[in-house]
Amino acid sequence: MSDVVVIGAGIAGIQAALDLAGHGIFVHLIEREPSIGGHMAQLDKTFPTNDCSMCILSPKMVDVSRHPKIKIYTLSEIEKVEGEIGHFRVTIKKHPKYVDEDACTGCGDCVQICPVEVYNRFDAGIGVRKAIYTPHAQAVPAKVVRDAGHCIDCGLCYDVCGPDAIRREDKDEEITIDAGSIVITTGYTIFDPRRKSQLGYLLLPDVITSLELERMINASGPTGGELRRLSNGAGPKSIIFIQCVGSRDMSIDRPYCSCVCCMQAIKNAILIREKHPEIEVTICYMDLRTYGKGYEEYLERAKRLGVKFLRGMPSDVLADKKGLTLQVENSETSEVLTIHPDLVVLSVGIGPADQTGQMAERFGLPVETTGFIRPLNDALDTVGTLKPGIYVAGTVTAPRDIPDSVASGGSAAMRAFIDTARTRSE
């Protein structure tokens, strides 16, 4: 049987790889980050059950790493794709890690001794990491990566590494893979709220994004799961969520709903109220879109816990003597309210991952005006593409929540499996 290449190792790509490998297909799983898992690894809980996100994801990550028919390529990107269904040739570029992966035990001695601290993208900038680091506590593969761009070459990590796994020099490696089918699951990126400057993001320290809040309330996050105002480190007494930041906004060419923002805000509001019932939590919204199984019941649970829902969107977030201030019209009563929250959380929308357009061009696939890759048919074939043998899944075609991403990953995997079976019979 022909191999299958899966590009992107978030939850959709992981599910596709596991389904294919379970049917005896050898899978090449390509991920541009140092660890697989995608955005789901950053989350604290999942809605509407409040199950631990990593409790669901980690076993799948471990299964992928141990499966004899799955090979993982991290810090790797697609360089070139040639051929057709049944006979694709995929060239990938594997970026240097400056670490011998076979020798590294993941002990972390080098991380502890490293004196350099830099911005930690995994913690959404709330925390820091070292110049040599493990992406997160449950990373797969559980190996360190040396960030040569920030390393000051002090030599401490070389001295402390028992197995001499840290390399002083390393270089890109080009790898060519022959495959029968390709599954693209490159995920999403969150909206940059600096484009809505009136909301004060990065201008006011107590205005944060929903992803920054996720890392803050996560027990493995930079604050150990404790809510903090970034201005002074104190716990907030009131929190305002502002919905649809970067979604359903024609002024910035984001006409679509990002699908997960309402439920994510409700989830985090529930978690906050359950742990800190003294904190006042208000969600400012245009419409609440609780469309999935158990979602409306989840909304009612939030209301019973005392979460307030205010139908109206603030125009500006400003600083005053009390900290933050904003005005919002309650569109149900026409009353204009002035609110002074301690913390403002921007529920940022999601869009196509960086370089999705370049990847689509490389594969010869059309993209929507929104930047997402266009499937063959939005109603009848949501994972097929105009190019036979290439399939798309997860949030590469549209915003999706975790269950829908898993389902689409499985669907794309079965289409790729059918292709390999046909190739074998020819």
Protein backbone atom coordinates (compact mmCIF):
# COMPACT_ATOMS: atom_id res chain seq x y z
CA MET A 1 0.00 0.00 0.00
CA SER A 2 1.09 3.59 -0.64
CA ASP A 3 2.08 5.86 2.22
CA VAL A 4 0.02 8.91 3.20
CA VAL A 5 1.39 12.32 4.17
CA VAL A 6 -0.56 14.25 6.82
CA ILE A 7 0.43 17.91 7.03
CA GLY A 8 -0.32 19.46 10.41
CA ALA A 9 -0.36 17.61 13.72
CA GLY A 10 -3.17 19.28 15.62
CA ILE A 11 -6.11 17.20 16.80
CA ALA A 12 -7.47 16.75 13.24
CA GLY A 13 -4.11 15.62 11.88
CA ILE A 14 -3.50 13.32 14.84
CA GLN A 15 -6.91 11.69 14.37
CA ALA A 16 -6.30 11.25 10.62
CA ALA A 17 -2.88 9.70 11.28
CA LEU A 18 -4.20 7.28 13.91
CA ASP A 19 -7.13 6.19 11.73
CA LEU A 20 -4.88 5.55 8.73
CA ALA A 21 -2.24 3.74 10.76
CA GLY A 22 -4.96 1.62 12.34
CA HIS A 23 -5.84 0.44 8.84
CA GLY A 24 -2.25 -0.55 8.10
CA ILE A 25 -1.23 2.58 6.16
CA PHE A 26 2.19 4.10 6.87
CA VAL A 27 1.77 7.79 7.74
CA HIS A 28 4.28 10.63 7.55
CA LEU A 29 3.02 13.25 10.03
CA ILE A 30 4.54 16.67 9.37
CA GLU A 31 4.37 19.49 11.93
CA ARG A 32 6.04 22.90 11.77
CA GLU A 33 6.16 23.34 15.57
CA PRO A 34 8.60 21.47 17.87
CA SER A 35 5.73 19.39 19.32
CA ILE A 36 2.53 17.86 17.98
CA GLY A 37 -0.86 18.73 19.51
CA GLY A 38 -1.67 22.11 18.00
CA HIS A 39 -3.84 24.67 19.76
CA MET A 40 -5.71 22.04 21.77
CA ALA A 41 -2.57 21.54 23.87
CA GLN A 42 -2.86 25.15 25.06
CA LEU A 43 -6.40 24.79 26.39
CA ASP A 44 -7.42 24.10 29.98
CA LYS A 45 -10.83 22.45 29.55
CA THR A 46 -13.17 21.53 26.69
CA PHE A 47 -16.84 22.45 26.38
CA PRO A 48 -19.55 21.41 27.13
CA THR A 49 -18.24 18.74 29.54
CA ASN A 50 -15.35 20.66 31.13
CA ASP A 51 -13.11 17.65 30.56
CA CYS A 52 -9.38 18.30 30.83
CA SER A 53 -8.12 19.12 27.34
CA MET A 54 -4.77 17.37 27.73
CA CYS A 55 -6.46 14.34 29.31
CA ILE A 56 -8.11 13.82 25.92
CA LEU A 57 -5.20 14.90 23.74
CA SER A 58 -2.16 13.44 25.54
CA PRO A 59 -3.11 9.75 25.06
CA LYS A 60 -3.56 10.39 21.34
CA MET A 61 -0.20 12.16 21.16
CA VAL A 62 1.49 9.23 22.90
CA ASP A 63 -0.28 6.74 20.61
CA VAL A 64 1.02 8.64 17.59
CA SER A 65 4.59 8.68 18.92
CA ARG A 66 4.56 4.94 19.66
CA HIS A 67 2.73 3.68 16.60
CA PRO A 68 5.06 1.69 14.34
CA LYS A 69 3.30 2.97 11.22
CA ILE A 70 3.56 6.69 12.02
CA LYS A 71 6.69 8.76 11.55
CA ILE A 72 6.71 12.26 13.03
CA TYR A 73 8.61 15.16 11.47
CA THR A 74 8.57 18.22 13.77
CA LEU A 75 9.96 21.66 12.90
CA SER A 76 9.28 20.67 9.30
CA GLU A 77 7.56 22.40 6.39
CA ILE A 78 6.49 21.52 2.87
CA GLU A 79 8.90 22.68 0.20
CA LYS A 80 7.49 21.10 -2.97
CA VAL A 81 4.75 18.73 -4.13
CA GLU A 82 4.84 16.89 -7.44
CA GLY A 83 2.88 14.11 -9.09
CA GLU A 84 -0.71 12.93 -8.91
CA ILE A 85 -2.99 10.65 -6.94
CA GLY A 86 -1.18 7.43 -6.09
CA HIS A 87 2.19 8.87 -7.04
CA PHE A 88 2.86 12.08 -5.13
CA ARG A 89 6.40 13.15 -4.31
CA VAL A 90 6.52 15.49 -1.31
CA THR A 91 9.68 17.38 -0.42
CA ILE A 92 9.90 18.68 3.13
CA LYS A 93 12.45 20.88 4.84
CA LYS A 94 13.30 19.82 8.39
CA HIS A 95 14.66 22.78 10.32
CA PRO A 96 17.56 22.31 12.76
CA LYS A 97 16.88 21.65 16.45
CA TYR A 98 20.56 21.80 17.46
CA VAL A 99 19.89 18.67 19.49
CA ASP A 100 20.60 15.00 18.76
CA GLU A 101 17.06 13.60 19.12
CA ASP A 102 18.29 10.04 19.53
CA ALA A 103 20.67 10.97 22.35
CA CYS A 104 18.44 13.50 24.16
CA THR A 105 16.62 12.00 27.17
CA GLY A 106 14.46 15.05 27.84
CA CYS A 107 15.83 15.35 31.39
CA GLY A 108 15.66 19.15 31.33
CA ASP A 109 19.04 19.81 33.00
CA CYS A 110 20.00 22.12 30.15
CA VAL A 111 16.74 24.06 30.51
CA GLN A 112 17.28 24.67 34.21
CA ILE A 113 20.81 25.98 33.75
CA CYS A 114 20.09 28.22 30.74
CA PRO A 115 20.28 31.92 31.76
CA VAL A 116 18.32 33.32 28.79
CA GLU A 117 14.55 33.95 28.98
CA VAL A 118 12.50 34.90 25.91
CA TYR A 119 8.88 35.29 24.82
CA ASN A 120 6.97 32.00 25.10
CA ARG A 121 4.56 31.65 22.20
CA PHE A 122 2.98 28.54 23.71
CA ASP A 123 1.92 30.61 26.75
CA ALA A 124 0.62 33.33 24.38
CA GLY A 125 3.23 35.74 25.75
CA ILE A 126 1.98 35.57 29.35
CA GLY A 127 5.02 33.52 30.33
CA VAL A 128 8.62 33.07 29.21
CA ARG A 129 10.80 30.16 28.15
CA LYS A 130 14.52 29.52 27.98
CA ALA A 131 16.73 29.68 24.89
CA ILE A 132 16.88 25.88 25.13
CA TYR A 133 13.47 24.50 26.02
CA THR A 134 10.83 21.80 25.97
CA PRO A 135 7.70 23.21 24.25
CA HIS A 136 5.48 22.24 27.20
CA ALA A 137 5.30 19.69 30.00
CA GLN A 138 3.59 16.98 27.93
CA ALA A 139 5.30 17.67 24.62
CA VAL A 140 5.65 14.93 22.01
CA PRO A 141 8.42 14.30 21.17
CA ALA A 142 9.67 14.95 24.72
CA LYS A 143 12.95 16.45 23.53
CA VAL A 144 14.51 19.86 24.01
CA VAL A 145 15.05 22.36 21.22
CA ARG A 146 17.84 24.94 21.21
CA ASP A 147 16.71 28.30 19.87
CA ALA A 148 19.86 29.36 18.04
CA GLY A 149 18.39 32.80 17.39
CA HIS A 150 18.31 33.65 21.10
CA CYS A 151 21.12 31.42 22.39
CA ILE A 152 24.11 33.44 23.67
CA ASP A 153 26.38 30.38 23.37
CA CYS A 154 27.44 30.57 27.00
CA GLY A 155 28.26 26.85 26.90
CA LEU A 156 26.45 25.92 30.11
CA CYS A 157 24.03 23.55 28.38
CA TYR A 158 26.90 21.75 26.63
CA ASP A 159 28.66 21.21 29.95
CA VAL A 160 25.63 19.96 31.87
CA CYS A 161 24.32 17.56 29.18
CA GLY A 162 25.35 14.05 30.20
CA PRO A 163 24.74 12.31 26.85
CA ASP A 164 26.30 15.21 24.87
CA ALA A 165 23.07 15.60 22.91
CA ILE A 166 23.34 19.35 22.27
CA ARG A 167 24.86 20.34 18.96
CA ARG A 168 26.87 23.49 18.41
CA GLU A 169 26.15 23.37 14.69
CA ASP A 170 23.16 22.04 12.77
CA LYS A 171 21.53 22.65 9.41
CA ASP A 172 18.33 22.20 7.43
CA GLU A 173 17.63 18.74 6.09
CA GLU A 174 15.68 18.06 2.90
CA ILE A 175 13.61 14.88 2.84
CA THR A 176 11.62 13.44 -0.06
CA ILE A 177 8.59 11.22 0.57
CA ASP A 178 6.62 9.15 -1.95
CA ALA A 179 2.93 9.02 -1.09
CA GLY A 180 -0.37 7.93 -2.57
CA SER A 181 -2.48 10.61 -0.88
CA ILE A 182 -2.07 13.79 1.15
CA VAL A 183 -4.21 15.12 4.00
CA ILE A 184 -3.86 18.82 4.88
CA THR A 185 -4.77 19.77 8.46
CA THR A 186 -2.70 22.89 9.04
CA GLY A 187 -5.10 24.46 11.54
CA TYR A 188 -5.71 28.11 12.30
CA THR A 189 -4.24 31.28 13.74
CA ILE A 190 -6.00 33.68 16.07
CA PHE A 191 -6.98 37.22 15.10
CA ASP A 192 -4.56 39.97 16.06
CA PRO A 193 -6.70 42.36 18.15
CA ARG A 194 -4.27 45.20 17.54
CA ARG A 195 -6.24 45.66 14.33
CA LYS A 196 -9.08 46.88 16.59
CA SER A 197 -6.99 49.53 18.32
CA GLN A 198 -10.00 51.03 20.10
CA LEU A 199 -10.10 47.93 22.34
CA GLY A 200 -6.71 48.76 23.84
CA TYR A 201 -4.92 45.45 23.36
CA LEU A 202 -1.19 45.82 24.20
CA LEU A 203 -1.91 49.45 25.10
CA LEU A 204 -3.70 48.58 28.34
CA PRO A 205 -2.12 45.71 30.30
CA ASP A 206 -5.43 44.42 31.66
CA VAL A 207 -6.89 43.84 28.20
CA ILE A 208 -6.01 40.27 27.20
CA THR A 209 -7.11 37.74 24.59
CA SER A 210 -9.14 34.60 25.20
CA LEU A 211 -6.05 32.48 24.48
CA GLU A 212 -4.03 34.40 27.08
CA LEU A 213 -6.83 33.76 29.56
CA GLU A 214 -6.73 30.05 28.68
CA ARG A 215 -3.04 29.89 29.57
CA MET A 216 -3.59 31.92 32.72
CA ILE A 217 -6.30 29.66 34.17
CA ASN A 218 -4.48 26.48 33.13
CA ALA A 219 -2.81 24.79 36.11
CA SER A 220 0.26 24.14 33.94
CA GLY A 221 0.33 27.74 32.73
CA PRO A 222 2.63 30.58 33.76
CA THR A 223 0.50 31.67 36.75
CA GLY A 224 -0.24 28.16 38.00
CA GLY A 225 -3.92 28.51 37.18
CA GLU A 226 -4.46 31.74 39.14
CA LEU A 227 -6.22 34.73 37.60
CA ARG A 228 -4.03 37.83 37.63
CA ARG A 229 -4.23 41.40 36.43
CA LEU A 230 -1.13 41.99 34.34
CA SER A 231 -0.91 45.58 35.57
CA ASN A 232 -0.30 44.76 39.23
CA GLY A 233 -0.54 40.99 39.74
CA ALA A 234 -3.69 41.28 41.85
CA GLY A 235 -6.72 39.06 41.38
CA PRO A 236 -9.57 40.73 39.45
CA LYS A 237 -12.92 41.43 41.09
CA SER A 238 -14.80 41.87 37.79
CA ILE A 239 -14.23 40.56 34.27
CA ILE A 240 -15.82 41.57 30.98
CA PHE A 241 -15.73 39.31 27.91
CA ILE A 242 -16.12 41.10 24.57
CA GLN A 243 -17.29 38.75 21.83
CA CYS A 244 -16.76 38.75 18.06
CA VAL A 245 -13.35 40.46 18.08
CA GLY A 246 -12.19 39.63 14.57
CA SER A 247 -15.40 37.82 13.63
CA ARG A 248 -18.53 39.00 11.79
CA ASP A 249 -16.83 42.33 11.10
CA MET A 250 -16.98 43.59 7.53
CA SER A 251 -14.80 46.61 8.34
CA ILE A 252 -11.76 44.33 8.63
CA ASP A 253 -12.80 41.76 5.99
CA ARG A 254 -13.78 39.10 8.53
CA PRO A 255 -17.41 38.40 7.57
CA TYR A 256 -17.67 34.92 9.05
CA CYS A 257 -18.48 33.59 12.53
CA SER A 258 -15.48 31.90 14.18
CA CYS A 259 -17.70 29.14 15.58
CA VAL A 260 -15.99 28.57 18.94
CA CYS A 261 -15.83 32.00 20.59
CA CYS A 262 -19.25 32.03 22.30
CA MET A 263 -18.78 28.59 23.80
CA GLN A 264 -15.18 29.33 24.80
CA ALA A 265 -16.28 32.46 26.66
CA ILE A 266 -19.12 30.60 28.38
CA LYS A 267 -16.72 27.81 29.34
CA ASN A 268 -14.15 30.15 30.85
CA ALA A 269 -16.86 32.17 32.60
CA ILE A 270 -18.15 28.95 34.20
CA LEU A 271 -14.64 27.92 35.28
CA ILE A 272 -14.01 31.34 36.81
CA ARG A 273 -17.34 31.44 38.68
CA GLU A 274 -16.94 27.89 39.98
CA LYS A 275 -13.49 28.64 41.41
CA HIS A 276 -14.07 32.29 42.34
CA PRO A 277 -17.79 32.94 42.92
CA GLU A 278 -16.90 36.39 44.26
CA ILE A 279 -15.73 37.55 40.82
CA GLU A 280 -18.39 39.29 38.72
CA VAL A 281 -18.32 37.97 35.13
CA THR A 282 -20.19 39.62 32.23
CA ILE A 283 -20.24 38.56 28.58
CA CYS A 284 -20.98 41.30 26.02
CA TYR A 285 -22.31 39.77 22.82
CA MET A 286 -24.17 40.37 19.55
CA ASP A 287 -25.74 36.89 19.35
CA LEU A 288 -25.05 33.74 21.36
CA ARG A 289 -24.46 30.81 19.01
CA THR A 290 -24.83 27.65 21.08
CA TYR A 291 -25.48 25.28 18.22
CA GLY A 292 -24.08 21.90 19.32
CA LYS A 293 -25.24 19.00 21.43
CA GLY A 294 -25.46 20.08 25.05
CA TYR A 295 -24.40 23.65 24.24
CA GLU A 296 -27.69 25.37 25.11
CA GLU A 297 -27.79 23.48 28.41
CA TYR A 298 -24.23 24.68 29.02
CA LEU A 299 -25.41 28.28 28.53
CA GLU A 300 -28.18 27.78 31.09
CA ARG A 301 -25.63 26.35 33.52
CA ALA A 302 -23.58 29.53 33.18
CA LYS A 303 -26.64 31.66 33.94
CA ARG A 304 -27.38 29.61 37.05
CA LEU A 305 -23.82 30.21 38.23
CA GLY A 306 -24.40 33.95 38.00
CA VAL A 307 -22.67 34.79 34.73
CA LYS A 308 -24.25 37.94 33.31
CA PHE A 309 -25.04 38.25 29.60
CA LEU A 310 -25.24 41.76 28.16
CA ARG A 311 -26.50 42.12 24.61
CA GLY A 312 -24.38 44.98 23.32
CA MET A 313 -20.87 45.65 22.05
CA PRO A 314 -18.57 48.26 23.63
CA SER A 315 -17.08 50.75 21.19
CA ASP A 316 -13.90 51.55 23.13
CA VAL A 317 -11.94 50.36 26.13
CA LEU A 318 -10.24 53.24 27.92
CA ALA A 319 -8.08 53.81 30.97
CA ASP A 320 -9.24 55.92 33.91
CA LYS A 321 -8.46 56.38 37.60
CA LYS A 322 -10.31 53.16 38.44
CA GLY A 323 -8.33 51.15 35.89
CA LEU A 324 -10.49 50.41 32.85
CA THR A 325 -13.74 51.90 31.66
CA LEU A 326 -16.09 51.14 28.79
CA GLN A 327 -19.54 52.14 27.68
CA VAL A 328 -22.02 49.72 26.18
CA GLU A 329 -25.64 50.02 25.15
CA ASN A 330 -27.86 47.18 26.26
CA SER A 331 -29.70 46.63 22.97
CA GLU A 332 -32.53 44.84 24.78
CA THR A 333 -33.36 47.82 27.03
CA SER A 334 -31.64 50.73 25.17
CA GLU A 335 -29.89 51.58 28.43
CA VAL A 336 -26.32 52.91 28.13
CA LEU A 337 -24.09 51.45 30.82
CA THR A 338 -20.67 52.60 32.00
CA ILE A 339 -18.64 49.67 33.36
CA HIS A 340 -15.32 49.60 35.21
CA PRO A 341 -13.95 46.05 34.92
CA ASP A 342 -10.66 44.92 36.39
CA LEU A 343 -9.96 42.65 33.42
CA VAL A 344 -11.20 42.71 29.82
CA VAL A 345 -11.01 39.50 27.78
CA LEU A 346 -11.23 39.82 23.99
CA SER A 347 -12.81 36.71 22.42
CA VAL A 348 -10.63 36.72 19.33
CA GLY A 349 -11.78 34.97 16.17
CA ILE A 350 -9.82 32.39 14.22
CA GLY A 351 -8.58 32.51 10.65
CA PRO A 352 -6.49 30.36 8.34
CA ALA A 353 -3.00 29.47 9.53
CA ASP A 354 -0.06 31.53 8.39
CA GLN A 355 1.14 30.63 4.91
CA THR A 356 -2.09 28.78 4.07
CA GLY A 357 -2.32 30.77 0.86
CA GLN A 358 1.22 29.83 -0.19
CA MET A 359 0.58 26.18 0.63
CA ALA A 360 -2.66 26.16 -1.36
CA GLU A 361 -0.80 27.66 -4.32
CA ARG A 362 1.91 25.03 -4.00
CA PHE A 363 -0.73 22.29 -4.10
CA GLY A 364 -2.77 23.96 -6.83
CA LEU A 365 -5.83 24.41 -4.57
CA PRO A 366 -8.26 27.35 -4.61
CA VAL A 367 -8.84 29.47 -1.50
CA GLU A 368 -11.89 31.35 -0.28
CA THR A 369 -11.88 35.15 -0.07
CA THR A 370 -11.47 34.62 3.69
CA GLY A 371 -8.20 32.76 3.10
CA PHE A 372 -9.41 29.26 3.99
CA ILE A 373 -8.81 26.46 1.48
CA ARG A 374 -11.93 25.71 -0.54
CA PRO A 375 -13.20 22.11 -0.35
CA LEU A 376 -14.76 20.38 -3.31
CA ASN A 377 -18.30 21.02 -2.06
CA ASP A 378 -19.42 22.62 1.19
CA ALA A 379 -22.49 20.40 1.38
CA LEU A 380 -21.61 17.11 -0.30
CA ASP A 381 -17.83 16.76 -0.08
CA THR A 382 -16.28 18.80 2.73
CA VAL A 383 -12.88 17.03 2.73
CA GLY A 384 -12.28 16.55 -0.99
CA THR A 385 -10.46 19.08 -3.17
CA LEU A 386 -10.22 19.86 -6.86
CA LYS A 387 -7.01 17.85 -6.96
CA PRO A 388 -7.69 14.09 -6.63
CA GLY A 389 -5.78 12.46 -3.79
CA ILE A 390 -5.45 15.63 -1.72
CA TYR A 391 -7.85 16.08 1.20
CA VAL A 392 -8.46 18.82 3.75
CA ALA A 393 -9.70 18.55 7.32
CA GLY A 394 -10.07 20.53 10.54
CA THR A 395 -9.92 24.30 10.51
CA VAL A 396 -8.00 24.56 7.25
CA THR A 397 -11.32 24.99 5.41
CA ALA A 398 -13.44 26.80 8.04
CA PRO A 399 -13.63 27.48 11.77
CA ARG A 400 -14.55 24.30 13.68
CA ASP A 401 -14.66 23.14 17.27
CA ILE A 402 -12.75 20.08 18.51
CA PRO A 403 -15.42 17.40 17.89
CA ASP A 404 -16.04 18.63 14.33
CA SER A 405 -12.28 18.77 13.66
CA VAL A 406 -11.87 15.19 14.87
CA ALA A 407 -14.77 14.05 12.69
CA SER A 408 -13.38 15.76 9.59
CA GLY A 409 -9.92 14.32 10.25
CA GLY A 410 -11.40 10.83 10.36
CA SER A 411 -13.38 11.49 7.17
CA ALA A 412 -10.30 12.67 5.28
CA ALA A 413 -8.35 9.66 6.53
CA MET A 414 -10.90 7.22 5.14
CA ARG A 415 -10.88 8.97 1.76
CA ALA A 416 -7.09 8.65 1.68
CA PHE A 417 -7.36 4.99 2.71
CA ILE A 418 -9.72 4.30 -0.19
CA ASP A 419 -7.18 5.87 -2.56
CA THR A 420 -4.38 3.64 -1.29
CA ALA A 421 -6.59 0.58 -1.58
CA ARG A 422 -7.38 1.45 -5.21
CA THR A 423 -3.67 2.03 -5.93
CA ARG A 424 -2.87 -1.44 -4.57
CA SER A 425 -5.54 -3.12 -6.69
CA GLU A 426 -4.40 -1.46 -9.93
